[in-house]
């Protein structure tokens, strides 16, 4: 099921008679809310991380976690997933707060676009040889 999620709309959602009901957001693809049999409402993010589908449950559950905060966290999870970073890896990096964590994040985000030292030197030599 797909609909535009709002705070008022989420409060009005009824629990299913049995099982669970997933409602996906029209505004942010991959973001939604899961309503359990007991009436518990939890925000979920469905995305592919390194080609494998993962469903991540955001904690705490609704109403302790507001819709706006859940959307921003979901955007971060989706962006990380596109870079191949899972929520567990992000949590470890945030906990470390070290240079290694920052360097790893940089290499994942930008490292594949960089050239090797040898390639840079070769290009510099070609440029300078043309000037002489």
N, C-alpha and C. Protein backbone atom coordinates (compact mmCIF):
# COMPACT_ATOMS: atom_id res chain seq x y z
N UNK A 1 0.85 -1.18 0.00
CA UNK A 1 0.00 0.00 0.00
C UNK A 1 0.89 1.24 0.00
N UNK A 2 0.49 2.27 -0.73
CA UNK A 2 1.27 3.49 -0.86
C UNK A 2 0.35 4.69 -0.63
N UNK A 3 0.82 5.61 0.23
CA UNK A 3 0.07 6.84 0.47
C UNK A 3 1.02 7.91 1.01
N UNK A 4 0.55 9.14 1.01
CA UNK A 4 1.35 10.25 1.54
C UNK A 4 1.26 10.20 3.07
N UNK A 5 2.41 10.03 3.72
CA UNK A 5 2.42 9.94 5.18
C UNK A 5 2.44 11.32 5.81
N UNK A 6 1.53 11.52 6.77
CA UNK A 6 1.48 12.73 7.57
C UNK A 6 1.31 12.31 9.03
N UNK A 7 1.64 13.20 9.96
CA UNK A 7 1.48 12.88 11.39
C UNK A 7 0.03 12.54 11.72
N UNK A 8 -0.88 13.35 11.22
CA UNK A 8 -2.30 13.12 11.50
C UNK A 8 -2.77 11.80 10.89
N UNK A 9 -2.32 11.54 9.66
CA UNK A 9 -2.71 10.30 8.99
C UNK A 9 -2.18 9.06 9.70
N UNK A 10 -0.95 9.15 10.22
CA UNK A 10 -0.36 8.02 10.93
C UNK A 10 -1.11 7.75 12.22
N UNK A 11 -1.48 8.81 12.93
CA UNK A 11 -2.24 8.62 14.18
C UNK A 11 -3.57 7.93 13.93
N UNK A 12 -4.16 8.18 12.77
CA UNK A 12 -5.47 7.60 12.45
C UNK A 12 -5.42 6.19 11.89
N UNK A 13 -4.24 5.66 11.62
CA UNK A 13 -4.14 4.31 11.07
C UNK A 13 -4.53 3.27 12.10
N UNK A 14 -5.33 2.32 11.69
CA UNK A 14 -5.78 1.24 12.57
C UNK A 14 -4.89 0.02 12.40
N UNK A 15 -4.76 -0.74 13.48
CA UNK A 15 -3.98 -1.98 13.44
C UNK A 15 -4.72 -3.03 12.62
N UNK A 16 -3.99 -3.86 11.86
CA UNK A 16 -4.65 -4.91 11.09
C UNK A 16 -5.20 -6.00 12.01
N UNK A 17 -6.17 -6.75 11.52
CA UNK A 17 -6.79 -7.81 12.31
C UNK A 17 -5.77 -8.90 12.65
N UNK A 18 -4.82 -9.12 11.75
CA UNK A 18 -3.76 -10.09 12.01
C UNK A 18 -2.53 -9.73 11.19
N UNK A 19 -1.37 -10.14 11.64
CA UNK A 19 -0.13 -9.88 10.92
C UNK A 19 0.31 -8.43 11.01
N UNK A 20 0.97 -7.98 9.95
CA UNK A 20 1.50 -6.62 9.88
C UNK A 20 1.08 -5.96 8.58
N UNK A 21 1.05 -4.63 8.59
CA UNK A 21 0.69 -3.86 7.41
C UNK A 21 1.79 -2.84 7.15
N UNK A 22 2.35 -2.86 5.95
CA UNK A 22 3.37 -1.89 5.55
C UNK A 22 2.72 -0.85 4.64
N UNK A 23 2.93 0.42 4.98
CA UNK A 23 2.43 1.52 4.16
C UNK A 23 3.65 2.34 3.75
N UNK A 24 3.87 2.44 2.43
CA UNK A 24 5.03 3.13 1.89
C UNK A 24 4.67 4.57 1.57
N UNK A 25 5.62 5.46 1.76
CA UNK A 25 5.43 6.89 1.56
C UNK A 25 5.50 7.25 0.08
N UNK A 26 4.62 8.14 -0.36
CA UNK A 26 4.65 8.62 -1.74
C UNK A 26 5.74 9.66 -1.94
N UNK A 27 6.10 10.38 -0.89
CA UNK A 27 7.07 11.47 -1.00
C UNK A 27 8.50 10.93 -1.11
N UNK A 28 8.85 9.98 -0.24
CA UNK A 28 10.21 9.43 -0.21
C UNK A 28 10.17 7.94 -0.49
N UNK A 29 10.52 7.53 -1.71
CA UNK A 29 10.50 6.09 -2.04
C UNK A 29 11.46 5.31 -1.13
N UNK A 30 11.01 4.16 -0.67
CA UNK A 30 11.83 3.33 0.20
C UNK A 30 11.56 3.58 1.67
N UNK A 31 10.76 4.56 1.99
CA UNK A 31 10.44 4.92 3.38
C UNK A 31 8.98 4.60 3.64
N UNK A 32 8.69 4.08 4.82
CA UNK A 32 7.31 3.76 5.14
C UNK A 32 7.11 3.53 6.62
N UNK A 33 5.94 3.02 6.94
CA UNK A 33 5.60 2.70 8.33
C UNK A 33 5.00 1.31 8.38
N UNK A 34 5.36 0.57 9.40
CA UNK A 34 4.83 -0.78 9.60
C UNK A 34 3.95 -0.75 10.85
N UNK A 35 2.72 -1.26 10.67
CA UNK A 35 1.78 -1.31 11.78
C UNK A 35 1.59 -2.78 12.16
N UNK A 36 1.87 -3.08 13.41
CA UNK A 36 1.76 -4.46 13.89
C UNK A 36 0.36 -4.76 14.40
N UNK A 37 0.14 -6.04 14.64
CA UNK A 37 -1.16 -6.52 15.13
C UNK A 37 -1.56 -5.82 16.42
N UNK A 38 -0.60 -5.55 17.30
CA UNK A 38 -0.91 -4.91 18.59
C UNK A 38 -1.09 -3.40 18.49
N UNK A 39 -0.89 -2.83 17.31
CA UNK A 39 -1.06 -1.39 17.13
C UNK A 39 0.25 -0.61 17.15
N UNK A 40 1.38 -1.28 17.35
CA UNK A 40 2.67 -0.60 17.36
C UNK A 40 2.97 -0.10 15.94
N UNK A 41 3.46 1.13 15.86
CA UNK A 41 3.79 1.75 14.58
C UNK A 41 5.26 2.10 14.57
N UNK A 42 5.98 1.54 13.61
CA UNK A 42 7.41 1.78 13.50
C UNK A 42 7.75 2.18 12.08
N UNK A 43 8.64 3.16 11.95
CA UNK A 43 9.10 3.60 10.63
C UNK A 43 10.10 2.59 10.09
N UNK A 44 10.02 2.34 8.78
CA UNK A 44 10.92 1.39 8.13
C UNK A 44 11.53 2.02 6.89
N UNK A 45 12.71 1.51 6.52
CA UNK A 45 13.39 1.93 5.30
C UNK A 45 13.74 0.67 4.54
N UNK A 46 13.32 0.57 3.31
CA UNK A 46 13.66 -0.57 2.45
C UNK A 46 14.59 -0.11 1.35
N UNK A 47 15.78 -0.67 1.32
CA UNK A 47 16.77 -0.25 0.32
C UNK A 47 17.72 -1.40 0.01
N UNK A 48 18.46 -1.24 -1.06
CA UNK A 48 19.47 -2.25 -1.42
C UNK A 48 20.84 -1.75 -1.00
N UNK A 49 21.54 -2.62 -0.27
CA UNK A 49 22.90 -2.32 0.15
C UNK A 49 23.79 -3.38 -0.49
N UNK A 50 24.67 -2.93 -1.38
CA UNK A 50 25.53 -3.84 -2.15
C UNK A 50 24.72 -4.90 -2.87
N UNK A 51 23.58 -4.52 -3.44
CA UNK A 51 22.76 -5.41 -4.24
C UNK A 51 21.80 -6.28 -3.45
N UNK A 52 21.85 -6.24 -2.14
CA UNK A 52 20.99 -7.08 -1.31
C UNK A 52 19.94 -6.21 -0.62
N UNK A 53 18.65 -6.61 -0.75
CA UNK A 53 17.57 -5.82 -0.15
C UNK A 53 17.63 -5.93 1.37
N UNK A 54 17.51 -4.78 2.03
CA UNK A 54 17.48 -4.73 3.49
C UNK A 54 16.31 -3.87 3.93
N UNK A 55 15.65 -4.29 4.98
CA UNK A 55 14.60 -3.49 5.60
C UNK A 55 15.11 -3.09 6.97
N UNK A 56 15.24 -1.79 7.20
CA UNK A 56 15.78 -1.26 8.44
C UNK A 56 14.63 -0.63 9.22
N UNK A 57 14.51 -1.00 10.49
CA UNK A 57 13.49 -0.43 11.36
C UNK A 57 14.13 0.70 12.16
N UNK A 58 13.52 1.88 12.11
CA UNK A 58 14.04 3.03 12.85
C UNK A 58 13.48 2.99 14.27
N UNK A 59 14.35 3.27 15.23
CA UNK A 59 13.94 3.27 16.64
C UNK A 59 14.11 4.65 17.19
N UNK A 60 13.30 5.08 18.12
CA UNK A 60 12.16 4.41 18.73
C UNK A 60 10.95 4.42 17.81
N UNK A 61 9.89 3.78 18.22
CA UNK A 61 8.69 3.70 17.38
C UNK A 61 7.87 4.99 17.48
N UNK A 62 6.91 5.12 16.58
CA UNK A 62 6.01 6.28 16.57
C UNK A 62 5.13 6.21 17.80
N UNK A 63 4.84 7.25 18.51
CA UNK A 63 5.05 8.69 18.31
C UNK A 63 6.33 9.23 18.93
N UNK A 64 7.15 8.37 19.55
CA UNK A 64 8.41 8.84 20.15
C UNK A 64 9.39 9.36 19.11
N UNK A 65 9.30 8.86 17.90
CA UNK A 65 10.09 9.35 16.78
C UNK A 65 9.14 10.06 15.82
N UNK A 66 9.37 11.35 15.62
CA UNK A 66 8.48 12.14 14.77
C UNK A 66 8.73 11.83 13.29
N UNK A 67 7.73 12.10 12.48
CA UNK A 67 7.79 11.82 11.04
C UNK A 67 8.93 12.58 10.37
N UNK A 68 9.12 13.85 10.70
CA UNK A 68 10.17 14.65 10.06
C UNK A 68 11.56 14.09 10.38
N UNK A 69 11.79 13.72 11.62
CA UNK A 69 13.07 13.13 12.02
C UNK A 69 13.27 11.78 11.34
N UNK A 70 12.22 10.98 11.26
CA UNK A 70 12.30 9.67 10.62
C UNK A 70 12.63 9.81 9.13
N UNK A 71 12.04 10.80 8.47
CA UNK A 71 12.32 11.03 7.04
C UNK A 71 13.79 11.41 6.83
N UNK A 72 14.31 12.30 7.68
CA UNK A 72 15.70 12.72 7.52
C UNK A 72 16.66 11.56 7.79
N UNK A 73 16.36 10.71 8.78
CA UNK A 73 17.19 9.54 9.03
C UNK A 73 17.10 8.55 7.88
N UNK A 74 15.91 8.42 7.30
CA UNK A 74 15.72 7.52 6.16
C UNK A 74 16.53 8.00 4.95
N UNK A 75 16.55 9.32 4.71
CA UNK A 75 17.34 9.87 3.61
C UNK A 75 18.82 9.54 3.79
N UNK A 76 19.31 9.64 5.03
CA UNK A 76 20.70 9.32 5.32
C UNK A 76 20.99 7.84 5.07
N UNK A 77 20.08 6.97 5.49
CA UNK A 77 20.25 5.53 5.30
C UNK A 77 20.27 5.19 3.81
N UNK A 78 19.38 5.81 3.04
CA UNK A 78 19.31 5.56 1.59
C UNK A 78 20.59 6.06 0.91
N UNK A 79 21.07 7.24 1.31
CA UNK A 79 22.31 7.78 0.73
C UNK A 79 23.49 6.87 1.07
N UNK A 80 23.56 6.41 2.31
CA UNK A 80 24.63 5.49 2.71
C UNK A 80 24.55 4.19 1.92
N UNK A 81 23.34 3.69 1.72
CA UNK A 81 23.15 2.43 1.00
C UNK A 81 23.66 2.55 -0.44
N UNK A 82 23.43 3.69 -1.05
CA UNK A 82 23.91 3.90 -2.42
C UNK A 82 25.43 3.91 -2.48
N UNK A 83 26.08 4.27 -1.36
CA UNK A 83 27.54 4.25 -1.28
C UNK A 83 28.05 2.90 -0.78
N UNK A 84 27.13 1.96 -0.51
CA UNK A 84 27.52 0.63 -0.06
C UNK A 84 27.76 0.52 1.43
N UNK A 85 27.25 1.47 2.20
CA UNK A 85 27.45 1.49 3.64
C UNK A 85 26.16 1.09 4.34
N UNK A 86 26.20 0.05 5.15
CA UNK A 86 25.04 -0.40 5.91
C UNK A 86 24.89 0.36 7.21
N UNK A 87 23.72 0.28 7.85
CA UNK A 87 23.50 1.01 9.11
C UNK A 87 24.47 0.59 10.22
N UNK A 88 24.85 -0.70 10.25
CA UNK A 88 25.77 -1.17 11.28
C UNK A 88 27.14 -0.53 11.10
N UNK A 89 27.60 -0.46 9.83
CA UNK A 89 28.90 0.14 9.54
C UNK A 89 28.88 1.64 9.87
N UNK A 90 27.78 2.32 9.56
CA UNK A 90 27.66 3.75 9.87
C UNK A 90 27.73 3.96 11.38
N UNK A 91 27.08 3.09 12.13
CA UNK A 91 27.06 3.20 13.58
C UNK A 91 28.47 3.04 14.15
N UNK A 92 29.23 2.08 13.61
CA UNK A 92 30.61 1.87 14.06
C UNK A 92 31.47 3.09 13.76
N UNK A 93 31.30 3.64 12.56
CA UNK A 93 32.09 4.82 12.18
C UNK A 93 31.77 6.01 13.06
N UNK A 94 30.50 6.21 13.33
CA UNK A 94 30.11 7.34 14.17
C UNK A 94 30.63 7.16 15.60
N UNK A 95 30.67 5.93 16.06
CA UNK A 95 31.15 5.66 17.41
C UNK A 95 32.66 5.91 17.52
N UNK A 96 33.39 5.56 16.48
CA UNK A 96 34.85 5.72 16.51
C UNK A 96 35.26 7.19 16.49
N UNK A 97 34.70 7.94 15.56
CA UNK A 97 35.05 9.35 15.38
C UNK A 97 36.57 9.53 15.26
N UNK A 98 37.20 8.66 14.50
CA UNK A 98 38.64 8.72 14.33
C UNK A 98 38.98 9.13 12.91
N UNK A 99 40.26 9.40 12.70
CA UNK A 99 40.72 9.74 11.38
C UNK A 99 40.50 8.59 10.41
N UNK A 100 40.68 7.37 10.88
CA UNK A 100 40.50 6.20 10.02
C UNK A 100 39.05 6.14 9.52
N UNK A 101 38.10 6.43 10.39
CA UNK A 101 36.69 6.41 9.98
C UNK A 101 36.42 7.48 8.93
N UNK A 102 36.99 8.65 9.13
CA UNK A 102 36.81 9.74 8.16
C UNK A 102 37.48 9.37 6.84
N UNK A 103 38.68 8.80 6.91
CA UNK A 103 39.39 8.40 5.69
C UNK A 103 38.64 7.32 4.94
N UNK A 104 38.08 6.35 5.68
CA UNK A 104 37.29 5.30 5.04
C UNK A 104 36.08 5.88 4.33
N UNK A 105 35.39 6.79 4.99
CA UNK A 105 34.21 7.41 4.38
C UNK A 105 34.61 8.19 3.13
N UNK A 106 35.73 8.88 3.18
CA UNK A 106 36.21 9.63 2.02
C UNK A 106 36.52 8.69 0.86
N UNK A 107 37.20 7.58 1.14
CA UNK A 107 37.58 6.65 0.08
C UNK A 107 36.35 5.99 -0.55
N UNK A 108 35.32 5.73 0.26
CA UNK A 108 34.10 5.15 -0.29
C UNK A 108 33.40 6.17 -1.18
N UNK A 109 33.33 7.41 -0.71
CA UNK A 109 32.60 8.44 -1.44
C UNK A 109 33.37 8.96 -2.65
N UNK A 110 34.69 9.14 -2.51
CA UNK A 110 35.45 9.81 -3.56
C UNK A 110 36.65 9.04 -4.08
N UNK A 111 37.08 8.03 -3.36
CA UNK A 111 38.31 7.32 -3.70
C UNK A 111 38.32 6.68 -5.06
N UNK A 112 37.17 6.18 -5.51
CA UNK A 112 37.15 5.52 -6.81
C UNK A 112 37.32 6.50 -7.97
N UNK A 113 37.20 7.79 -7.71
CA UNK A 113 37.36 8.79 -8.75
C UNK A 113 38.80 9.31 -8.84
N UNK A 114 39.61 9.01 -7.81
CA UNK A 114 40.97 9.54 -7.76
C UNK A 114 41.91 8.71 -8.64
N UNK A 115 42.96 9.34 -9.07
CA UNK A 115 43.97 8.66 -9.86
C UNK A 115 45.12 8.23 -8.94
N UNK A 116 45.90 7.31 -9.43
CA UNK A 116 47.06 6.89 -8.67
C UNK A 116 48.16 7.94 -8.79
N UNK A 117 49.11 7.89 -7.89
CA UNK A 117 50.22 8.84 -7.91
C UNK A 117 50.99 8.73 -9.23
N UNK A 118 51.15 7.51 -9.71
CA UNK A 118 51.88 7.28 -10.96
C UNK A 118 51.18 7.96 -12.14
N UNK A 119 49.86 7.83 -12.21
CA UNK A 119 49.12 8.46 -13.31
C UNK A 119 49.23 9.97 -13.27
N UNK A 120 49.18 10.55 -12.08
CA UNK A 120 49.28 12.01 -11.94
C UNK A 120 50.65 12.47 -12.40
N UNK A 121 51.70 11.75 -12.00
CA UNK A 121 53.06 12.13 -12.41
C UNK A 121 53.22 12.05 -13.93
N UNK A 122 52.65 11.00 -14.52
CA UNK A 122 52.75 10.85 -15.98
C UNK A 122 52.06 12.02 -16.68
N UNK A 123 50.91 12.41 -16.21
CA UNK A 123 50.20 13.53 -16.84
C UNK A 123 50.97 14.83 -16.66
N UNK A 124 51.57 15.03 -15.48
CA UNK A 124 52.36 16.25 -15.25
C UNK A 124 53.55 16.29 -16.20
N UNK A 125 54.22 15.16 -16.39
CA UNK A 125 55.37 15.11 -17.29
C UNK A 125 54.94 15.45 -18.72
N UNK A 126 53.80 14.93 -19.15
CA UNK A 126 53.31 15.22 -20.51
C UNK A 126 53.00 16.69 -20.66
N UNK A 127 52.40 17.30 -19.65
CA UNK A 127 52.08 18.72 -19.74
C UNK A 127 53.33 19.56 -19.84
N UNK A 128 54.32 19.24 -18.98
CA UNK A 128 55.55 20.04 -18.97
C UNK A 128 56.38 19.81 -20.23
N UNK A 129 56.33 18.63 -20.80
CA UNK A 129 57.11 18.37 -22.01
C UNK A 129 56.54 19.13 -23.20
N UNK A 130 55.24 19.37 -23.19
CA UNK A 130 54.62 20.15 -24.28
C UNK A 130 55.00 21.61 -24.20
N UNK A 131 55.24 22.09 -22.99
CA UNK A 131 55.59 23.52 -22.82
C UNK A 131 57.03 23.80 -23.24
N UNK A 132 57.88 22.82 -23.17
CA UNK A 132 59.33 23.06 -23.47
C UNK A 132 59.59 23.14 -24.96
